[in-house]
Protein backbone atom coordinates (compact mmCIF):
# COMPACT_ATOMS: atom_id res chain seq x y z
CA MET A 1 0.00 0.00 0.00
CA LYS A 2 1.38 3.41 -0.99
CA LYS A 3 1.74 6.13 1.61
CA ALA A 4 -1.11 8.20 0.09
CA ASP A 5 -3.37 5.12 0.03
CA SER A 6 -2.45 4.37 3.63
CA ALA A 7 -3.27 7.92 4.72
CA SER A 8 -6.59 7.80 2.87
CA TYR A 9 -7.45 4.44 4.46
CA CYS A 10 -6.68 5.78 7.92
CA ALA A 11 -8.64 9.00 7.31
CA ASP A 12 -11.68 6.97 6.22
CA LYS A 13 -11.56 4.91 9.44
CA MET A 14 -11.17 8.06 11.54
CA LYS A 15 -14.22 9.63 9.85
CA VAL A 16 -16.29 6.61 10.89
CA LEU A 17 -15.03 6.99 14.46
CA SER A 18 -15.72 10.72 14.61
CA ASP A 19 -19.24 10.11 15.93
CA VAL A 20 -19.82 9.70 19.67
CA THR A 21 -22.63 7.17 19.15
CA ARG A 22 -20.43 4.92 17.02
CA LEU A 23 -17.64 5.13 19.59
CA PHE A 24 -20.10 4.18 22.33
CA VAL A 25 -21.32 1.19 20.28
CA LEU A 26 -17.75 0.01 19.65
CA GLU A 27 -16.83 0.36 23.31
CA GLU A 28 -19.88 -1.69 24.32
CA LEU A 29 -19.11 -4.35 21.72
CA LEU A 30 -15.57 -4.64 23.08
CA ASN A 31 -17.24 -5.74 26.34
CA ALA A 32 -19.48 -8.33 24.67
CA PRO A 33 -21.45 -8.96 21.46
CA ARG A 34 -24.89 -7.34 21.62
CA THR A 35 -28.17 -7.19 19.74
CA VAL A 36 -29.77 -3.97 18.53
CA THR A 37 -32.28 -4.25 21.37
CA GLU A 38 -29.48 -4.53 23.95
CA LEU A 39 -27.57 -1.61 22.45
CA ASN A 40 -30.71 0.48 22.24
CA ALA A 41 -31.46 -0.15 25.93
CA LEU A 42 -28.06 1.37 26.71
CA LEU A 43 -28.18 4.24 24.21
CA LYS A 44 -31.86 5.19 24.37
CA ILE A 45 -31.99 6.54 20.80
CA GLU A 46 -34.34 5.84 17.90
CA GLN A 47 -33.82 2.33 16.57
CA SER A 48 -33.55 3.64 13.01
CA LEU A 49 -30.69 5.94 14.06
CA LEU A 50 -28.91 3.09 15.83
CA SER A 51 -29.36 0.88 12.76
CA HIS A 52 -27.81 3.61 10.62
CA HIS A 53 -24.74 3.79 12.87
CA LEU A 54 -24.40 0.00 12.89
CA LYS A 55 -24.59 -0.02 9.08
CA VAL A 56 -21.77 2.55 8.89
CA LEU A 57 -19.62 0.48 11.29
CA ARG A 58 -20.34 -2.70 9.34
CA LYS A 59 -19.52 -1.07 5.99
CA ALA A 60 -16.21 0.15 7.48
CA GLY A 61 -15.37 -3.43 8.47
CA LEU A 62 -15.38 -2.69 12.20
CA VAL A 63 -18.31 -4.91 13.18
CA THR A 64 -19.78 -8.22 12.05
CA THR A 65 -23.24 -9.68 12.40
CA ALA A 66 -24.65 -13.09 13.24
CA ARG A 67 -28.32 -14.02 13.11
CA GLU A 68 -29.79 -15.51 16.27
CA GLY A 69 -33.40 -16.37 15.54
CA LYS A 70 -35.11 -13.07 14.77
CA ALA A 71 -32.32 -11.00 16.33
CA ILE A 72 -29.02 -9.93 14.84
CA ARG A 73 -26.03 -9.95 17.17
CA TYR A 74 -23.25 -7.44 16.50
CA ASP A 75 -19.63 -8.00 17.44
CA ILE A 76 -16.25 -6.40 16.78
CA ALA A 77 -14.83 -7.72 13.51
CA PRO A 78 -11.92 -10.11 14.17
CA GLU A 79 -9.52 -7.97 12.13
CA ALA A 80 -10.50 -4.88 14.13
CA ARG A 81 -10.03 -6.52 17.53
CA SER A 82 -6.67 -5.61 19.04
CA ARG A 83 -4.51 -8.56 19.98
CA SER A 84 -2.95 -6.69 22.89
CA PRO A 85 -4.68 -6.86 26.26
CA GLY A 86 -7.30 -4.30 27.15
CA LYS A 87 -10.18 -2.63 25.37
CA ALA A 88 -8.74 -1.48 22.06
CA LEU A 89 -9.41 -1.53 18.33
CA ASN A 90 -6.84 -2.22 15.64
CA LEU A 91 -7.70 -0.07 12.63
CA GLY A 92 -4.82 -1.36 10.54
CA CYS A 93 -3.18 2.06 10.52
CA CYS A 94 -3.31 2.64 14.28
CA LYS A 95 -4.85 1.36 17.50
CA ILE A 96 -7.52 3.08 19.53
CA SER A 97 -7.75 2.30 23.24
CA PHE A 98 -10.84 2.71 25.37
CA GLU A 99 -8.83 2.20 28.58
CA GLY A 100 -8.77 4.99 31.13
CA LEU A 101 -11.72 6.89 29.68
CA PRO A 102 -14.07 8.60 32.14
CA LYS A 103 -17.24 6.66 32.92
CA ARG A 104 -20.37 7.67 30.98
CA LYS A 105 -23.26 9.19 32.91
């Protein structure tokens, strides 16, 4: 991958992560896979808005889905899960850690 391609790839991933809702979803999925219903109980936003954010994360290759009956369970994509200990994402160009962040209210 050329340097310009690498920078573009990284910028695209950062754009996806520039939304607080998507960061919250990723942090929760680092704890455990969750369904839309479970995520929505935590976020308390319109389901259509949550579905939009999940679609963006899926398109970016950060989350995967698995059908469980009528529900769809979301999880961090294996290639995006950091191999180092702790709550972190591996974006391919850099790692993002959720360790040491203040607790949400």
